[in-house]
Amino acid sequence: MTPENLNAAIKTGSMADVGTRLQFLTELYDLWKTGLDIEDHKRELESALKLLGFHMMKDYKEPKE
């Protein structure tokens, strides 16, 4: 096993792994979206949801062929 392979194996499942990060951000997005039903924090959650959605689209969108 090369050091590169070892590093890749260690990073898989961590926040350094793009798939794990995207899954975490997607779960966070869904949680915040559900939280919009809580009227006391609606404005804050709407802003956070917009920023998170922008970040996800900017950094994780499918590359154009």
Protein backbone atom coordinates (compact mmCIF):
# COMPACT_ATOMS: atom_id res chain seq x y z
CA MET A 1 0.00 0.00 0.00
CA THR A 2 1.41 3.38 -0.98
CA PRO A 3 1.22 6.41 1.33
CA GLU A 4 -1.25 8.03 -1.10
CA ASN A 5 -3.62 5.06 -0.80
CA LEU A 6 -3.28 5.07 2.98
CA ASN A 7 -4.13 8.78 3.13
CA ALA A 8 -7.16 8.26 0.88
CA ALA A 9 -8.39 5.41 3.08
CA ILE A 10 -8.01 7.45 6.24
CA LYS A 11 -9.79 10.47 4.77
CA THR A 12 -12.77 8.47 3.49
CA GLY A 13 -15.70 9.14 5.80
CA SER A 14 -14.14 12.30 7.22
CA MET A 15 -14.96 15.89 6.41
CA ALA A 16 -11.92 15.79 4.08
CA ASP A 17 -13.86 13.34 1.88
CA VAL A 18 -16.00 15.29 -0.65
CA GLY A 19 -18.80 12.68 -0.61
CA THR A 20 -19.01 12.78 3.18
CA ARG A 21 -19.00 16.58 3.22
CA LEU A 22 -21.74 16.78 0.61
CA GLN A 23 -23.84 14.20 2.46
CA PHE A 24 -23.41 16.15 5.71
CA LEU A 25 -24.31 19.45 4.03
CA THR A 26 -27.36 17.85 2.38
CA GLU A 27 -28.55 16.52 5.74
CA LEU A 28 -27.95 19.94 7.30
CA TYR A 29 -29.86 21.60 4.45
CA ASP A 30 -32.83 19.25 4.96
CA LEU A 31 -32.78 19.83 8.72
CA TRP A 32 -32.75 23.60 8.33
CA LYS A 33 -35.48 23.41 5.71
CA THR A 34 -37.63 21.46 8.17
CA GLY A 35 -36.79 24.08 10.79
CA LEU A 36 -38.51 26.78 8.72
CA ASP A 37 -41.73 25.67 10.37
CA ILE A 38 -40.45 27.18 13.62
CA GLU A 39 -41.75 30.74 13.33
CA ASP A 40 -39.35 32.28 15.89
CA HIS A 41 -36.29 31.56 13.77
CA LYS A 42 -37.82 31.67 10.31
CA ARG A 43 -35.86 34.70 9.02
CA GLU A 44 -32.52 33.37 10.32
CA LEU A 45 -33.15 29.92 8.90
CA GLU A 46 -34.21 31.31 5.51
CA SER A 47 -30.93 33.23 5.28
CA ALA A 48 -28.88 30.23 6.40
CA LEU A 49 -30.71 27.99 3.93
CA LYS A 50 -29.97 30.37 1.04
CA LEU A 51 -26.28 30.57 1.95
CA LEU A 52 -25.96 26.81 2.38
CA GLY A 53 -27.76 26.15 -0.92
CA PHE A 54 -25.48 28.61 -2.70
CA HIS A 55 -22.39 26.95 -1.19
CA MET A 56 -23.58 23.48 -2.22
CA MET A 57 -24.36 24.53 -5.80
CA LYS A 58 -21.11 26.50 -6.18
CA ASP A 59 -18.74 23.87 -4.82
CA TYR A 60 -20.45 20.58 -5.63
CA LYS A 61 -22.31 21.05 -8.91
CA GLU A 62 -21.87 18.47 -11.66
CA PRO A 63 -19.07 19.41 -14.07
CA LYS A 64 -20.21 20.28 -17.58
CA GLU A 65 -19.01 17.92 -20.29
